[in-house]
Amino acid sequence: MMEWFNSLDPMLKIYWAMAIGASIVFVIQTIISFVGGDMFDDMDFDADSGSGGVSSFFSVRNLVNFLLGAGWGGVCLYYTISSKTLLMFVAVLSGIIFVLIFFLLVKVLLKLGKDNSFRFEETLDKTADVYLAIPENKSGRGKIQISVRGSFHELDAVTAGEKIPTGGKVRVVEIIDNHLVVVEKI
């Protein structure tokens, strides 16, 4: 095995070393992630990486992803691309593409894990359509249809003012016991 490696061109040795080294670290990262560890997630080069901005792009995980793409890109295309400069450019481009793919995958996975449950507090100061007429002076309940984060909800509503007919526009001004909203006509 060492004879084979020593017989390789120096540039190909670099690509193989990057590919094998990054693959080993990638497998270890993946196992740690599945076990529940976040050892590599917190090792960002910038302390403010939790903001989700550009600085979260520069992390140990993304460095490994870059080396994985560049290394395997260089190994796979070494005998296909004769120009070593072009090969290096394509390998770097492969590394960048790997980082972008993994970055987008993580973003999608984080969205899947996000708590999207409805909270009444999110309705405050939002406008809604009256679905069933709302009686005047809190003398009875009607219903409103309101959009929160792109999802429509039907809620019981009362008003302190005059009767609001079906189809009217209202604004939520108060929440009572997390199951009833007070609205006013717009």
Protein backbone atom coordinates (compact mmCIF):
# COMPACT_ATOMS: atom_id res chain seq x y z
CA MET A 1 0.00 0.00 0.00
CA MET A 2 2.81 2.42 0.89
CA GLU A 3 4.64 1.50 -2.32
CA TRP A 4 1.58 2.46 -4.34
CA PHE A 5 1.19 5.75 -2.44
CA ASN A 6 4.92 6.60 -2.77
CA SER A 7 4.78 5.97 -6.52
CA LEU A 8 2.09 8.62 -7.04
CA ASP A 9 2.68 12.11 -8.40
CA PRO A 10 3.08 14.62 -5.49
CA MET A 11 -0.10 16.50 -6.46
CA LEU A 12 -2.12 13.27 -6.54
CA LYS A 13 -0.68 12.36 -3.11
CA ILE A 14 -2.06 15.64 -1.76
CA TYR A 15 -5.52 14.94 -3.21
CA TRP A 16 -5.49 11.39 -1.78
CA ALA A 17 -4.35 12.63 1.64
CA MET A 18 -7.10 15.29 1.67
CA ALA A 19 -9.75 12.80 0.52
CA ILE A 20 -8.84 10.03 2.97
CA GLY A 21 -8.19 12.36 5.93
CA ALA A 22 -11.41 14.34 5.39
CA SER A 23 -13.39 11.13 4.87
CA ILE A 24 -12.20 9.71 8.19
CA VAL A 25 -13.03 12.93 10.04
CA PHE A 26 -16.39 13.15 8.22
CA VAL A 27 -17.33 9.62 9.30
CA ILE A 28 -16.34 10.42 12.91
CA GLN A 29 -18.37 13.67 12.80
CA THR A 30 -21.37 11.82 11.42
CA ILE A 31 -21.21 9.14 14.12
CA ILE A 32 -20.86 11.78 16.85
CA SER A 33 -23.81 13.71 15.39
CA PHE A 34 -26.04 10.61 15.41
CA VAL A 35 -25.00 9.78 18.97
CA GLY A 36 -26.03 13.27 19.98
CA GLY A 37 -22.72 15.03 20.42
CA ASP A 38 -22.14 18.52 19.11
CA MET A 39 -18.37 18.58 19.44
CA PHE A 40 -17.80 19.91 15.93
CA ASP A 41 -20.85 22.18 15.80
CA ASP A 42 -19.52 24.47 18.52
CA MET A 43 -16.01 24.74 17.09
CA ASP A 44 -16.67 27.72 14.82
CA PHE A 45 -13.84 30.12 14.14
CA ASP A 46 -16.02 33.08 15.13
CA ALA A 47 -17.70 33.24 18.53
CA ASP A 48 -20.74 34.99 17.05
CA SER A 49 -21.50 32.13 14.67
CA GLY A 50 -24.80 31.41 16.39
CA SER A 51 -26.23 34.37 14.54
CA GLY A 52 -26.57 32.24 11.41
CA GLY A 53 -24.74 34.78 9.27
CA VAL A 54 -21.59 34.47 7.19
CA SER A 55 -19.50 33.51 10.22
CA SER A 56 -21.46 30.27 10.69
CA PHE A 57 -20.26 29.34 7.22
CA PHE A 58 -16.65 29.11 8.53
CA SER A 59 -16.62 26.11 10.84
CA VAL A 60 -14.62 22.95 11.35
CA ARG A 61 -17.50 20.95 9.85
CA ASN A 62 -17.50 23.05 6.68
CA LEU A 63 -13.70 22.89 6.46
CA VAL A 64 -13.96 19.10 6.51
CA ASN A 65 -16.72 19.25 3.87
CA PHE A 66 -14.53 21.48 1.69
CA LEU A 67 -11.54 19.14 2.00
CA LEU A 68 -13.80 16.16 1.30
CA GLY A 69 -15.08 17.71 -1.95
CA ALA A 70 -11.71 19.09 -3.06
CA GLY A 71 -9.84 15.90 -2.22
CA TRP A 72 -12.22 13.48 -3.92
CA GLY A 73 -12.73 15.90 -6.81
CA GLY A 74 -8.96 16.01 -7.36
CA VAL A 75 -8.60 12.22 -7.06
CA CYS A 76 -11.51 11.46 -9.41
CA LEU A 77 -10.53 13.99 -12.07
CA TYR A 78 -6.73 13.70 -11.87
CA TYR A 79 -6.40 11.53 -14.99
CA THR A 80 -9.29 13.26 -16.80
CA ILE A 81 -8.05 16.87 -16.60
CA SER A 82 -4.50 17.19 -17.94
CA SER A 83 -3.95 20.81 -16.85
CA LYS A 84 -2.90 20.80 -13.18
CA THR A 85 -4.03 24.42 -12.78
CA LEU A 86 -7.48 23.62 -14.16
CA LEU A 87 -7.62 20.50 -11.99
CA MET A 88 -6.83 22.57 -8.90
CA PHE A 89 -9.57 25.07 -9.84
CA VAL A 90 -12.10 22.26 -10.39
CA ALA A 91 -11.09 20.59 -7.10
CA VAL A 92 -11.55 23.87 -5.20
CA LEU A 93 -14.88 24.37 -6.94
CA SER A 94 -15.89 20.82 -5.93
CA GLY A 95 -15.00 21.64 -2.33
CA ILE A 96 -17.10 24.80 -2.40
CA ILE A 97 -20.02 22.88 -3.91
CA PHE A 98 -19.74 20.26 -1.13
CA VAL A 99 -19.84 22.99 1.52
CA LEU A 100 -22.89 24.61 -0.09
CA ILE A 101 -24.72 21.28 -0.37
CA PHE A 102 -24.07 20.39 3.27
CA PHE A 103 -24.88 23.95 4.38
CA LEU A 104 -28.26 23.77 2.61
CA LEU A 105 -28.96 20.28 3.96
CA VAL A 106 -28.31 21.41 7.53
CA LYS A 107 -30.53 24.44 6.99
CA VAL A 108 -33.38 22.21 5.76
CA LEU A 109 -32.91 19.78 8.66
CA LEU A 110 -32.97 22.62 11.19
CA LYS A 111 -36.26 23.85 9.73
CA LEU A 112 -37.71 20.37 10.17
CA GLY A 113 -36.75 20.40 13.84
CA LYS A 114 -38.24 23.85 14.45
CA ASP A 115 -41.25 24.17 16.75
CA ASN A 116 -44.05 25.48 14.57
CA SER A 117 -46.85 25.10 17.08
CA PHE A 118 -49.44 27.86 17.16
CA ARG A 119 -49.30 30.37 20.02
CA PHE A 120 -52.08 32.81 20.80
CA GLU A 121 -49.55 35.57 21.57
CA GLU A 122 -48.68 35.67 17.88
CA THR A 123 -52.17 36.96 17.05
CA LEU A 124 -51.82 40.23 18.99
CA ASP A 125 -52.09 43.32 16.75
CA LYS A 126 -52.74 41.16 13.67
CA THR A 127 -55.69 41.72 11.37
CA ALA A 128 -58.25 39.02 10.71
CA ASP A 129 -61.49 38.36 8.85
CA VAL A 130 -64.73 37.78 10.73
CA TYR A 131 -65.91 34.27 9.93
CA LEU A 132 -69.05 34.28 12.13
CA ALA A 133 -70.57 37.58 13.26
CA ILE A 134 -69.30 38.81 16.64
CA PRO A 135 -72.06 40.09 19.00
CA GLU A 136 -71.68 43.55 20.59
CA ASN A 137 -70.41 44.36 24.13
CA LYS A 138 -68.93 40.90 24.80
CA SER A 139 -72.48 39.48 24.87
CA GLY A 140 -71.50 36.40 22.85
CA ARG A 141 -68.79 34.83 20.76
CA GLY A 142 -68.15 34.94 17.07
CA LYS A 143 -65.28 33.53 15.05
CA ILE A 144 -62.39 35.05 13.17
CA GLN A 145 -60.01 33.59 10.63
CA ILE A 146 -56.42 34.77 11.09
CA SER A 147 -53.15 33.97 9.35
CA VAL A 148 -50.11 33.31 11.55
CA ARG A 149 -46.82 32.37 9.84
CA GLY A 150 -48.66 31.46 6.65
CA SER A 151 -51.15 29.14 8.34
CA PHE A 152 -54.83 30.02 8.85
CA HIS A 153 -56.50 29.55 12.23
CA GLU A 154 -60.12 29.86 13.27
CA LEU A 155 -60.47 31.44 16.72
CA ASP A 156 -63.33 32.37 19.04
CA ALA A 157 -63.61 36.15 19.37
CA VAL A 158 -65.51 38.80 21.31
CA THR A 159 -65.64 42.56 20.97
CA ALA A 160 -66.24 45.35 23.48
CA GLY A 161 -67.78 47.57 20.78
CA GLU A 162 -70.67 47.21 18.36
CA LYS A 163 -71.58 44.01 16.49
CA ILE A 164 -69.12 43.06 13.75
CA PRO A 165 -70.76 41.27 10.79
CA THR A 166 -69.39 38.29 8.88
CA GLY A 167 -66.77 39.42 6.37
CA GLY A 168 -65.68 42.41 8.50
CA LYS A 169 -62.04 43.21 9.17
CA VAL A 170 -60.79 43.26 12.78
CA ARG A 171 -57.58 43.64 14.76
CA VAL A 172 -56.75 41.44 17.77
CA VAL A 173 -56.27 43.64 20.85
CA GLU A 174 -56.28 41.15 23.74
CA ILE A 175 -56.05 37.45 24.54
CA ILE A 176 -58.22 35.90 27.26
CA ASP A 177 -57.08 32.60 28.82
CA ASN A 178 -55.29 31.37 25.67
CA HIS A 179 -58.51 30.36 23.95
CA LEU A 180 -60.42 33.58 23.26
CA VAL A 181 -59.38 36.86 21.59
CA VAL A 182 -60.80 40.34 21.95
CA VAL A 183 -61.00 42.20 18.66
CA GLU A 184 -61.89 45.67 17.44
CA LYS A 185 -63.32 46.68 14.10
CA ILE A 186 -60.90 48.24 11.62
